[in-house]
C-alpha atoms as a PDB file:
ATOM      1  CA  UNK A   1     173.449  87.664  77.786  1.00  0.00           C
ATOM      2  CA  UNK A   2     173.468  84.067  79.972  1.00  0.00           C
ATOM      3  CA  UNK A   3     173.188  80.589  78.726  1.00  0.00           C
ATOM      4  CA  UNK A   4     170.051  78.974  79.888  1.00  0.00           C
ATOM      5  CA  UNK A   5     168.695  75.669  78.936  1.00  0.00           C
ATOM      6  CA  UNK A   6     166.828  75.281  75.786  1.00  0.00           C
ATOM      7  CA  UNK A   7     163.132  74.378  75.054  1.00  0.00           C
ATOM      8  CA  UNK A   8     162.993  71.846  72.086  1.00  0.00           C
ATOM      9  CA  UNK A   9     160.599  69.920  70.501  1.00  0.00           C
ATOM     10  CA  UNK A  10     161.424  66.157  68.693  1.00  0.00           C
ATOM     11  CA  UNK A  11     160.416  66.622  64.913  1.00  0.00           C
ATOM     12  CA  UNK A  12     162.262  63.101  64.196  1.00  0.00           C
ATOM     13  CA  UNK A  13     163.136  60.040  65.594  1.00  0.00           C
ATOM     14  CA  UNK A  14     163.518  57.075  63.737  1.00  0.00           C
ATOM     15  CA  UNK A  15     163.012  54.423  65.654  1.00  0.00           C
ATOM     16  CA  UNK A  16     161.829  54.040  69.848  1.00  0.00           C
ATOM     17  CA  UNK A  17     161.436  50.815  72.235  1.00  0.00           C
ATOM     18  CA  UNK A  18     157.781  51.500  73.235  1.00  0.00           C
ATOM     19  CA  UNK A  19     158.939  51.078  77.236  1.00  0.00           C
ATOM     20  CA  UNK A  20     161.665  53.886  76.528  1.00  0.00           C
ATOM     21  CA  UNK A  21     159.859  56.604  73.916  1.00  0.00           C
ATOM     22  CA  UNK A  22     162.157  59.865  72.913  1.00  0.00           C
ATOM     23  CA  UNK A  23     159.235  61.619  74.497  1.00  0.00           C
ATOM     24  CA  UNK A  24     161.076  60.806  77.829  1.00  0.00           C
ATOM     25  CA  UNK A  25     163.938  63.233  76.668  1.00  0.00           C
ATOM     26  CA  UNK A  26     161.191  66.103  77.164  1.00  0.00           C
ATOM     27  CA  UNK A  27     161.423  65.358  80.895  1.00  0.00           C
ATOM     28  CA  UNK A  28     164.185  67.002  82.454  1.00  0.00           C
ATOM     29  CA  UNK A  29     164.778  65.050  86.369  1.00  0.00           C
ATOM     30  CA  UNK A  30     166.737  62.363  87.648  1.00  0.00           C
ATOM     31  CA  UNK A  31     163.753  59.950  87.250  1.00  0.00           C
ATOM     32  CA  UNK A  32     163.402  59.773  83.427  1.00  0.00           C
ATOM     33  CA  UNK A  33     164.165  56.533  81.918  1.00  0.00           C
ATOM     34  CA  UNK A  34     165.188  58.068  78.751  1.00  0.00           C
ATOM     35  CA  UNK A  35     164.927  57.499  74.831  1.00  0.00           C
ATOM     36  CA  UNK A  36     166.157  53.327  74.105  1.00  0.00           C
ATOM     37  CA  UNK A  37     166.074  52.630  70.213  1.00  0.00           C
ATOM     38  CA  UNK A  38     164.248  50.078  68.717  1.00  0.00           C
ATOM     39  CA  UNK A  39     165.716  46.671  69.481  1.00  0.00           C
ATOM     40  CA  UNK A  40     168.049  45.477  66.879  1.00  0.00           C
ATOM     41  CA  UNK A  41     168.060  48.482  64.436  1.00  0.00           C
ATOM     42  CA  UNK A  42     169.449  49.774  61.752  1.00  0.00           C
ATOM     43  CA  UNK A  43     172.216  52.071  62.398  1.00  0.00           C
ATOM     44  CA  UNK A  44     172.645  55.195  62.525  1.00  0.00           C
ATOM     45  CA  UNK A  45     169.930  56.031  64.380  1.00  0.00           C
ATOM     46  CA  UNK A  46     168.148  59.852  64.006  1.00  0.00           C
ATOM     47  CA  UNK A  47     166.780  62.078  66.033  1.00  0.00           C
ATOM     48  CA  UNK A  48     165.941  66.094  65.667  1.00  0.00           C
ATOM     49  CA  UNK A  49     165.212  68.416  67.560  1.00  0.00           C
ATOM     50  CA  UNK A  50     163.725  72.230  66.894  1.00  0.00           C
ATOM     51  CA  UNK A  51     163.847  74.955  68.538  1.00  0.00           C
ATOM     52  CA  UNK A  52     160.111  77.497  68.868  1.00  0.00           C
ATOM     53  CA  UNK A  53     162.787  80.082  67.486  1.00  0.00           C
ATOM     54  CA  UNK A  54     166.448  80.558  65.894  1.00  0.00           C
ATOM     55  CA  UNK A  55     168.941  79.851  69.039  1.00  0.00           C
ATOM     56  CA  UNK A  56     172.289  80.948  69.752  1.00  0.00           C
ATOM     57  CA  UNK A  57     173.526  77.367  70.883  1.00  0.00           C
ATOM     58  CA  UNK A  58     176.643  76.778  73.169  1.00  0.00           C
ATOM     59  CA  UNK A  59     176.593  73.621  74.577  1.00  0.00           C
ATOM     60  CA  UNK A  60     175.094  70.174  73.842  1.00  0.00           C
ATOM     61  CA  UNK A  61     175.244  67.663  77.364  1.00  0.00           C
ATOM     62  CA  UNK A  62     174.251  63.852  76.048  1.00  0.00           C
ATOM     63  CA  UNK A  63     173.930  61.467  78.984  1.00  0.00           C
ATOM     64  CA  UNK A  64     174.241  57.769  77.800  1.00  0.00           C
ATOM     65  CA  UNK A  65     172.675  54.599  79.132  1.00  0.00           C
ATOM     66  CA  UNK A  66     175.304  52.633  81.186  1.00  0.00           C
ATOM     67  CA  UNK A  67     174.967  49.773  79.042  1.00  0.00           C
ATOM     68  CA  UNK A  68     172.951  50.753  75.484  1.00  0.00           C
ATOM     69  CA  UNK A  69     175.860  53.094  74.047  1.00  0.00           C
ATOM     70  CA  UNK A  70     176.584  54.164  70.415  1.00  0.00           C
ATOM     71  CA  UNK A  71     180.358  54.080  69.636  1.00  0.00           C
ATOM     72  CA  UNK A  72     179.845  57.345  67.937  1.00  0.00           C
ATOM     73  CA  UNK A  73     177.272  60.507  67.980  1.00  0.00           C
ATOM     74  CA  UNK A  74     177.526  62.619  64.708  1.00  0.00           C
ATOM     75  CA  UNK A  75     175.611  66.542  65.369  1.00  0.00           C
ATOM     76  CA  UNK A  76     174.491  68.390  62.494  1.00  0.00           C
ATOM     77  CA  UNK A  77     172.530  72.009  62.869  1.00  0.00           C
ATOM     78  CA  UNK A  78     170.987  74.052  60.507  1.00  0.00           C
ATOM     79  CA  UNK A  79     169.244  77.406  60.815  1.00  0.00           C
ATOM     80  CA  UNK A  80     166.460  78.127  57.727  1.00  0.00           C
ATOM     81  CA  UNK A  81     167.261  81.578  56.122  1.00  0.00           C
ATOM     82  CA  UNK A  82     163.684  82.127  55.304  1.00  0.00           C
ATOM     83  CA  UNK A  83     160.071  81.437  55.300  1.00  0.00           C
ATOM     84  CA  UNK A  84     158.817  78.263  57.031  1.00  0.00           C
ATOM     85  CA  UNK A  85     161.010  76.242  56.961  1.00  0.00           C
ATOM     86  CA  UNK A  86     161.143  72.024  57.898  1.00  0.00           C
ATOM     87  CA  UNK A  87     163.509  69.984  59.135  1.00  0.00           C
ATOM     88  CA  UNK A  88     163.262  68.118  56.226  1.00  0.00           C
ATOM     89  CA  UNK A  89     163.536  71.155  53.858  1.00  0.00           C
ATOM     90  CA  UNK A  90     166.660  73.109  55.488  1.00  0.00           C
ATOM     91  CA  UNK A  91     170.269  71.903  54.992  1.00  0.00           C
ATOM     92  CA  UNK A  92     172.261  70.481  57.500  1.00  0.00           C
ATOM     93  CA  UNK A  93     176.020  71.475  58.342  1.00  0.00           C
ATOM     94  CA  UNK A  94     177.789  69.353  60.315  1.00  0.00           C
ATOM     95  CA  UNK A  95     180.047  70.235  63.322  1.00  0.00           C
ATOM     96  CA  UNK A  96     181.795  67.623  64.322  1.00  0.00           C
ATOM     97  CA  UNK A  97     181.313  63.947  66.378  1.00  0.00           C
ATOM     98  CA  UNK A  98     182.237  62.514  69.426  1.00  0.00           C
ATOM     99  CA  UNK A  99     182.595  59.019  70.646  1.00  0.00           C
ATOM    100  CA  UNK A 100     181.779  57.316  73.561  1.00  0.00           C
ATOM    101  CA  UNK A 101     183.522  54.945  75.860  1.00  0.00           C
ATOM    102  CA  UNK A 102     182.075  51.211  76.035  1.00  0.00           C
ATOM    103  CA  UNK A 103     182.287  51.882  79.893  1.00  0.00           C
ATOM    104  CA  UNK A 104     183.845  47.813  80.401  1.00  0.00           C
ATOM    105  CA  UNK A 105     185.916  49.774  83.178  1.00  0.00           C
ATOM    106  CA  UNK A 106     182.677  50.567  85.385  1.00  0.00           C
ATOM    107  CA  UNK A 107     181.058  47.119  84.694  1.00  0.00           C
ATOM    108  CA  UNK A 108     178.605  49.157  82.902  1.00  0.00           C
ATOM    109  CA  UNK A 109     176.853  51.073  86.122  1.00  0.00           C
ATOM    110  CA  UNK A 110     177.867  54.333  85.378  1.00  0.00           C
ATOM    111  CA  UNK A 111     176.386  56.535  83.482  1.00  0.00           C
ATOM    112  CA  UNK A 112     178.722  59.065  80.900  1.00  0.00           C
ATOM    113  CA  UNK A 113     177.974  62.331  80.463  1.00  0.00           C
ATOM    114  CA  UNK A 114     179.831  64.297  77.146  1.00  0.00           C
ATOM    115  CA  UNK A 115     179.398  68.322  76.906  1.00  0.00           C
ATOM    116  CA  UNK A 116     180.313  69.509  73.299  1.00  0.00           C
ATOM    117  CA  UNK A 117     180.929  73.160  73.175  1.00  0.00           C
ATOM    118  CA  UNK A 118     179.553  75.171  70.316  1.00  0.00           C
ATOM    119  CA  UNK A 119     179.106  78.010  69.116  1.00  0.00           C
ATOM    120  CA  UNK A 120     176.210  78.577  66.468  1.00  0.00           C
ATOM    121  CA  UNK A 121     173.186  80.136  65.303  1.00  0.00           C
ATOM    122  CA  UNK A 122     170.474  77.278  64.423  1.00  0.00           C
ATOM    123  CA  UNK A 123     166.705  76.180  65.037  1.00  0.00           C
ATOM    124  CA  UNK A 124     167.089  72.756  63.833  1.00  0.00           C
ATOM    125  CA  UNK A 125     169.999  70.019  65.450  1.00  0.00           C
ATOM    126  CA  UNK A 126     170.482  66.369  63.742  1.00  0.00           C
ATOM    127  CA  UNK A 127     171.788  63.792  65.857  1.00  0.00           C
ATOM    128  CA  UNK A 128     172.918  60.086  64.450  1.00  0.00           C
ATOM    129  CA  UNK A 129     173.414  57.276  66.925  1.00  0.00           C
ATOM    130  CA  UNK A 130     176.590  55.403  65.431  1.00  0.00           C
ATOM    131  CA  UNK A 131     176.418  51.420  66.338  1.00  0.00           C
ATOM    132  CA  UNK A 132     176.260  50.325  69.628  1.00  0.00           C
ATOM    133  CA  UNK A 133     178.494  49.159  71.726  1.00  0.00           C
ATOM    134  CA  UNK A 134     178.626  45.215  72.053  1.00  0.00           C
ATOM    135  CA  UNK A 135     177.763  43.751  75.486  1.00  0.00           C
ATOM    136  CA  UNK A 136     176.137  41.252  77.637  1.00  0.00           C
ATOM    137  CA  UNK A 137     173.373  43.882  78.581  1.00  0.00           C
ATOM    138  CA  UNK A 138     173.127  44.995  75.442  1.00  0.00           C
ATOM    139  CA  UNK A 139     172.190  41.764  73.623  1.00  0.00           C
ATOM    140  CA  UNK A 140     169.680  43.206  71.115  1.00  0.00           C
ATOM    141  CA  UNK A 141     171.846  45.800  69.820  1.00  0.00           C
ATOM    142  CA  UNK A 142     169.729  49.001  71.289  1.00  0.00           C
ATOM    143  CA  UNK A 143     171.216  52.809  72.030  1.00  0.00           C
ATOM    144  CA  UNK A 144     169.502  54.531  74.901  1.00  0.00           C
ATOM    145  CA  UNK A 145     170.073  57.916  75.640  1.00  0.00           C
ATOM    146  CA  UNK A 146     168.859  59.241  79.374  1.00  0.00           C
ATOM    147  CA  UNK A 147     168.469  62.794  78.986  1.00  0.00           C
ATOM    148  CA  UNK A 148     169.721  65.269  76.576  1.00  0.00           C
ATOM    149  CA  UNK A 149     170.361  68.806  77.499  1.00  0.00           C
ATOM    150  CA  UNK A 150     170.545  71.933  75.028  1.00  0.00           C
ATOM    151  CA  UNK A 151     171.900  75.189  76.427  1.00  0.00           C
ATOM    152  CA  UNK A 152     172.258  78.796  74.667  1.00  0.00           C
ATOM    153  CA  UNK A 153     170.061  81.984  74.231  1.00  0.00           C
ATOM    154  CA  UNK A 154     167.044  82.609  72.229  1.00  0.00           C
ATOM    155  CA  UNK A 155     167.814  84.772  69.385  1.00  0.00           C
ATOM    156  CA  UNK A 156     164.020  85.511  68.394  1.00  0.00           C
ATOM    157  CA  UNK A 157     162.069  85.567  64.811  1.00  0.00           C
ATOM    158  CA  UNK A 158     164.231  88.565  64.321  1.00  0.00           C
ATOM    159  CA  UNK A 159     168.002  87.758  63.015  1.00  0.00           C
ATOM    160  CA  UNK A 160     168.909  90.334  61.151  1.00  0.00           C
ATOM    161  CA  UNK A 161     171.348  91.849  63.823  1.00  0.00           C
ATOM    162  CA  UNK A 162     172.672  88.958  65.247  1.00  0.00           C
ATOM    163  CA  UNK A 163     172.938  88.046  68.218  1.00  0.00           C
ATOM    164  CA  UNK A 164     171.101  90.846  71.038  1.00  0.00           C
ATOM    165  CA  UNK A 165     174.316  92.975  72.761  1.00  0.00           C
ATOM    166  CA  UNK A 166     174.065  93.235  76.010  1.00  0.00           C
ATOM    167  CA  UNK A 167     171.270  95.329  77.936  1.00  0.00           C
ATOM    168  CA  UNK A 168     173.368  98.741  78.832  1.00  0.00           C
ATOM    169  CA  UNK A 169     170.774  99.823  80.928  1.00  0.00           C
ATOM    170  CA  UNK A 170     171.383  96.523  83.527  1.00  0.00           C
ATOM    171  CA  UNK A 171     175.237  97.325  83.451  1.00  0.00           C
ATOM    172  CA  UNK A 172     174.833 100.589  85.231  1.00  0.00           C
ATOM    173  CA  UNK A 173     171.418 100.095  87.832  1.00  0.00           C
ATOM    174  CA  UNK A 174     170.010 102.948  90.122  1.00  0.00           C
ATOM    175  CA  UNK A 175     171.237 104.283  92.599  1.00  0.00           C
ATOM    176  CA  UNK A 176     170.512 101.727  95.996  1.00  0.00           C
ATOM    177  CA  UNK A 177     168.717  99.023  93.269  1.00  0.00           C
ATOM    178  CA  UNK A 178     170.801  95.578  92.966  1.00  0.00           C
ATOM    179  CA  UNK A 179     169.263  93.499  89.933  1.00  0.00           C
ATOM    180  CA  UNK A 180     168.974  89.994  90.743  1.00  0.00           C
ATOM    181  CA  UNK A 181     172.271  88.413  89.313  1.00  0.00           C
ATOM    182  CA  UNK A 182     172.043  86.462  85.939  1.00  0.00           C
ATOM    183  CA  UNK A 183     173.657  82.931  86.261  1.00  0.00           C
ATOM    184  CA  UNK A 184     176.720  82.201  84.776  1.00  0.00           C
ATOM    185  CA  UNK A 185     177.164  80.151  81.139  1.00  0.00           C
ATOM    186  CA  UNK A 186     178.875  77.760  83.795  1.00  0.00           C
ATOM    187  CA  UNK A 187     176.269  77.928  86.654  1.00  0.00           C
ATOM    188  CA  UNK A 188     173.754  77.158  84.099  1.00  0.00           C
ATOM    189  CA  UNK A 189     175.465  74.039  82.796  1.00  0.00           C
ATOM    190  CA  UNK A 190     175.814  72.989  86.083  1.00  0.00           C
ATOM    191  CA  UNK A 191     172.474  72.879  86.598  1.00  0.00           C
ATOM    192  CA  UNK A 192     171.395  71.048  84.042  1.00  0.00           C
ATOM    193  CA  UNK A 193     173.638  68.180  84.339  1.00  0.00           C
ATOM    194  CA  UNK A 194     173.769  68.333  88.235  1.00  0.00           C
ATOM    195  CA  UNK A 195     169.461  67.792  86.962  1.00  0.00           C
ATOM    196  CA  UNK A 196     170.504  64.627  84.831  1.00  0.00           C
ATOM    197  CA  UNK A 197     173.120  63.351  87.562  1.00  0.00           C
ATOM    198  CA  UNK A 198     171.418  63.150  91.086  1.00  0.00           C
ATOM    199  CA  UNK A 199     168.498  61.902  93.005  1.00  0.00           C
ATOM    200  CA  UNK A 200     165.891  64.757  93.960  1.00  0.00           C
ATOM    201  CA  UNK A 201     167.214  64.546  97.763  1.00  0.00           C
ATOM    202  CA  UNK A 202     171.078  65.877  96.552  1.00  0.00           C
ATOM    203  CA  UNK A 203     169.173  68.026  94.031  1.00  0.00           C
ATOM    204  CA  UNK A 204     167.904  70.145  96.594  1.00  0.00           C
ATOM    205  CA  UNK A 205     170.813  69.590  99.233  1.00  0.00           C
ATOM    206  CA  UNK A 206     173.116  71.147  96.199  1.00  0.00           C
ATOM    207  CA  UNK A 207     170.985  74.098  95.522  1.00  0.00           C
ATOM    208  CA  UNK A 208     170.460  75.525  98.575  1.00  0.00           C
ATOM    209  CA  UNK A 209     174.401  74.995  99.231  1.00  0.00           C
ATOM    210  CA  UNK A 210     174.742  76.281  95.649  1.00  0.00           C
ATOM    211  CA  UNK A 211     172.182  79.696  96.947  1.00  0.00           C
ATOM    212  CA  UNK A 212     174.303  79.617 100.285  1.00  0.00           C
ATOM    213  CA  UNK A 213     177.819  80.284  98.463  1.00  0.00           C
ATOM    214  CA  UNK A 214     176.691  82.857  96.019  1.00  0.00           C
ATOM    215  CA  UNK A 215     174.944  84.978  99.142  1.00  0.00           C
ATOM    216  CA  UNK A 216     178.304  84.761 100.890  1.00  0.00           C
ATOM    217  CA  UNK A 217     180.284  86.212  97.605  1.00  0.00           C
ATOM    218  CA  UNK A 218     177.628  88.966  97.476  1.00  0.00           C
ATOM    219  CA  UNK A 219     178.534  89.767 100.995  1.00  0.00           C
ATOM    220  CA  UNK A 220     182.036  89.554 100.192  1.00  0.00           C
ATOM    221  CA  UNK A 221     182.752  86.435 102.623  1.00  0.00           C
ATOM    222  CA  UNK A 222     185.424  84.731 100.603  1.00  0.00           C
ATOM    223  CA  UNK A 223     185.822  82.206 103.624  1.00  0.00           C
ATOM    224  CA  UNK A 224     182.324  80.917 103.865  1.00  0.00           C
ATOM    225  CA  UNK A 225     182.526  81.155 100.027  1.00  0.00           C
ATOM    226  CA  UNK A 226     185.579  78.685  99.846  1.00  0.00           C
ATOM    227  CA  UNK A 227     183.919  76.449 102.553  1.00  0.00           C
ATOM    228  CA  UNK A 228     180.680  76.019 101.020  1.00  0.00           C
ATOM    229  CA  UNK A 229     182.784  75.586  97.677  1.00  0.00           C
ATOM    230  CA  UNK A 230     184.646  72.432  99.051  1.00  0.00           C
ATOM    231  CA  UNK A 231     181.240  71.281 100.567  1.00  0.00           C
ATOM    232  CA  UNK A 232     179.228  71.067  96.917  1.00  0.00           C
ATOM    233  CA  UNK A 233     182.538  69.146  95.587  1.00  0.00           C
ATOM    234  CA  UNK A 234     182.138  66.133  98.489  1.00  0.00           C
ATOM    235  CA  UNK A 235     178.599  66.529  97.961  1.00  0.00           C
ATOM    236  CA  UNK A 236     178.577  65.916  94.220  1.00  0.00           C
ATOM    237  CA  UNK A 237     181.316  63.224  94.390  1.00  0.00           C
ATOM    238  CA  UNK A 238     179.326  61.373  97.539  1.00  0.00           C
ATOM    239  CA  UNK A 239     175.868  62.089  95.114  1.00  0.00           C
ATOM    240  CA  UNK A 240     177.968  59.966  92.399  1.00  0.00           C
ATOM    241  CA  UNK A 241     178.630  57.149  93.926  1.00  0.00           C
ATOM    242  CA  UNK A 242     174.606  57.286  96.051  1.00  0.00           C
ATOM    243  CA  UNK A 243     173.658  57.025  91.979  1.00  0.00           C
ATOM    244  CA  UNK A 244     175.806  54.376  91.236  1.00  0.00           C
ATOM    245  CA  UNK A 245     175.140  51.779  94.438  1.00  0.00           C
ATOM    246  CA  UNK A 246     171.455  52.309  93.923  1.00  0.00           C
ATOM    247  CA  UNK A 247     172.087  51.122  90.339  1.00  0.00           C
ATOM    248  CA  UNK A 248     173.783  48.057  91.891  1.00  0.00           C
ATOM    249  CA  UNK A 249     171.170  47.171  94.447  1.00  0.00           C
ATOM    250  CA  UNK A 250     168.211  47.471  91.396  1.00  0.00           C
ATOM    251  CA  UNK A 251     170.843  44.844  89.964  1.00  0.00           C
ATOM    252  CA  UNK A 252     170.831  43.073  92.695  1.00  0.00           C
ATOM    253  CA  UNK A 253     167.300  42.461  93.326  1.00  0.00           C
ATOM    254  CA  UNK A 254     166.743  41.884  90.142  1.00  0.00           C
ATOM    255  CA  UNK A 255     168.780  39.234  90.170  1.00  0.00           C
ATOM    256  CA  UNK A 256     167.590  38.090  93.169  1.00  0.00           C
ATOM    257  CA  UNK A 257     170.624  38.393  95.665  1.00  0.00           C
ATOM    258  CA  UNK A 258     169.109  40.067  98.707  1.00  0.00           C
ATOM    259  CA  UNK A 259     172.186  39.756 100.623  1.00  0.00           C
ATOM    260  CA  UNK A 260     174.034  42.098  98.409  1.00  0.00           C
ATOM    261  CA  UNK A 261     170.714  44.578  98.159  1.00  0.00           C
ATOM    262  CA  UNK A 262     170.407  44.831 101.787  1.00  0.00           C
ATOM    263  CA  UNK A 263     174.410  45.408 102.494  1.00  0.00           C
ATOM    264  CA  UNK A 264     173.783  47.952  99.493  1.00  0.00           C
ATOM    265  CA  UNK A 265     170.709  49.814 101.190  1.00  0.00           C
ATOM    266  CA  UNK A 266     172.645  50.372 104.533  1.00  0.00           C
ATOM    267  CA  UNK A 267     175.406  52.083 103.036  1.00  0.00           C
ATOM    268  CA  UNK A 268     173.163  54.117 101.077  1.00  0.00           C
ATOM    269  CA  UNK A 269     171.351  54.743 103.702  1.00  0.00           C
ATOM    270  CA  UNK A 270     174.969  55.910 106.092  1.00  0.00           C
ATOM    271  CA  UNK A 271     175.618  58.191 103.067  1.00  0.00           C
ATOM    272  CA  UNK A 272     172.371  59.785 102.687  1.00  0.00           C
ATOM    273  CA  UNK A 273     172.369  60.203 106.434  1.00  0.00           C
ATOM    274  CA  UNK A 274     175.990  61.852 106.499  1.00  0.00           C
ATOM    275  CA  UNK A 275     174.650  64.323 103.092  1.00  0.00           C
ATOM    276  CA  UNK A 276     171.503  65.159 105.279  1.00  0.00           C
ATOM    277  CA  UNK A 277     173.884  66.225 108.819  1.00  0.00           C
ATOM    278  CA  UNK A 278     175.076  69.776 108.072  1.00  0.00           C
ATOM    279  CA  UNK A 279     178.635  69.714 108.138  1.00  0.00           C
ATOM    280  CA  UNK A 280     180.811  71.044 110.679  1.00  0.00           C
ATOM    281  CA  UNK A 281     182.933  73.687 110.794  1.00  0.00           C
ATOM    282  CA  UNK A 282     186.285  72.511 112.623  1.00  0.00           C
ATOM    283  CA  UNK A 283     187.449  74.229 115.625  1.00  0.00           C
ATOM    284  CA  UNK A 284     190.754  73.964 115.306  1.00  0.00           C
ATOM    285  CA  UNK A 285     192.876  72.692 111.452  1.00  0.00           C
ATOM    286  CA  UNK A 286     195.557  70.474 111.582  1.00  0.00           C
ATOM    287  CA  UNK A 287     198.374  71.609 109.082  1.00  0.00           C
ATOM    288  CA  UNK A 288     198.391  69.351 106.499  1.00  0.00           C
ATOM    289  CA  UNK A 289     200.891  68.866 104.130  1.00  0.00           C
ATOM    290  CA  UNK A 290     199.939  68.829 100.335  1.00  0.00           C
ATOM    291  CA  UNK A 291     199.675  66.125  99.252  1.00  0.00           C
ATOM    292  CA  UNK A 292     199.674  64.580  94.938  1.00  0.00           C
ATOM    293  CA  UNK A 293     198.113  61.630  93.817  1.00  0.00           C
ATOM    294  CA  UNK A 294     194.829  61.306  94.367  1.00  0.00           C
ATOM    295  CA  UNK A 295     191.906  62.206  91.733  1.00  0.00           C
ATOM    296  CA  UNK A 296     190.214  65.651  92.997  1.00  0.00           C
ATOM    297  CA  UNK A 297     187.818  64.570  90.383  1.00  0.00           C
ATOM    298  CA  UNK A 298     184.830  62.089  90.007  1.00  0.00           C
ATOM    299  CA  UNK A 299     187.213  59.103  89.240  1.00  0.00           C
ATOM    300  CA  UNK A 300     185.649  59.255  85.674  1.00  0.00           C
ATOM    301  CA  UNK A 301     182.848  57.365  86.656  1.00  0.00           C
ATOM    302  CA  UNK A 302     180.347  59.356  85.345  1.00  0.00           C
ATOM    303  CA  UNK A 303     182.440  60.545  81.969  1.00  0.00           C
ATOM    304  CA  UNK A 304     182.766  64.119  82.854  1.00  0.00           C
ATOM    305  CA  UNK A 305     186.110  64.232  81.374  1.00  0.00           C
ATOM    306  CA  UNK A 306     186.718  66.585  77.979  1.00  0.00           C
ATOM    307  CA  UNK A 307     184.822  65.146  75.191  1.00  0.00           C
ATOM    308  CA  UNK A 308     186.651  63.260  72.362  1.00  0.00           C
ATOM    309  CA  UNK A 309     184.708  66.094  70.080  1.00  0.00           C
ATOM    310  CA  UNK A 310     186.403  65.495  66.613  1.00  0.00           C
ATOM    311  CA  UNK A 311     185.746  66.466  63.057  1.00  0.00           C
ATOM    312  CA  UNK A 312     186.161  70.008  61.820  1.00  0.00           C
ATOM    313  CA  UNK A 313     184.021  71.949  64.554  1.00  0.00           C
ATOM    314  CA  UNK A 314     182.346  74.776  62.963  1.00  0.00           C
ATOM    315  CA  UNK A 315     183.872  74.238  59.038  1.00  0.00           C
ATOM    316  CA  UNK A 316     181.809  74.207  56.018  1.00  0.00           C
ATOM    317  CA  UNK A 317     180.777  71.104  54.613  1.00  0.00           C
END
């Protein structure tokens, strides 16, 4: 079975800013404002989630606010053993913690995305947010989360047999019938994180290119698949830059620095035009010497590096 985004309800929230209610976390789009704690709240702050039925949880993704950042996040899960269990009655097990960067290096412009890989059956999640990083943009000591995704498989109400086994009927398709390829766990996680990080225009282009790449692989046109993979990587990098420039433009407008806002708008328009123009296949490729020293990643701007996932993951207690 493949991982998919799991639907959840928020059943506990220790505080929220009226302008940034916890219900914003249920809106999975790049337009979401996200949740923020109340001003000058006490830490730790708690969010509790409940899935409709037990799930096999594979991954949790946190997209932190760019300046209202928790120093540490603790993650707990619970699986009720029977009856109508509630969030307050179940026994939680601590999976571990992650630390978040203070974000000074990006001048508090970029948002950090953390992906935590777990492998546990659960119906409830408890998340504790510890005291915030102090900076000049967060003088009221809040913590903010732009988005929260949970990925895994639904187990259904009957847990006696554990996680569902793959359906053997799908392994050997009937003659002449090719079942649609289910997205892999990696694809599902990538799609979920894309949705949080890019604007709708960039997102639509990413989806279109991803579909074209899947068709190329199916047709065994691996040269085309490789080209599309490279285009997607460039597009994702440009998309991150666009998001950063949009944030800087908003800040410039708020500060009434309209010259800077105009310059940023021109740069955003230029990049958007480049994205919308379909990439051309070069007629001839000069032989290039491989070069090292330049990072092929996102330069740390979106914080997609490996999470500082400590604690005794999966251990008892």
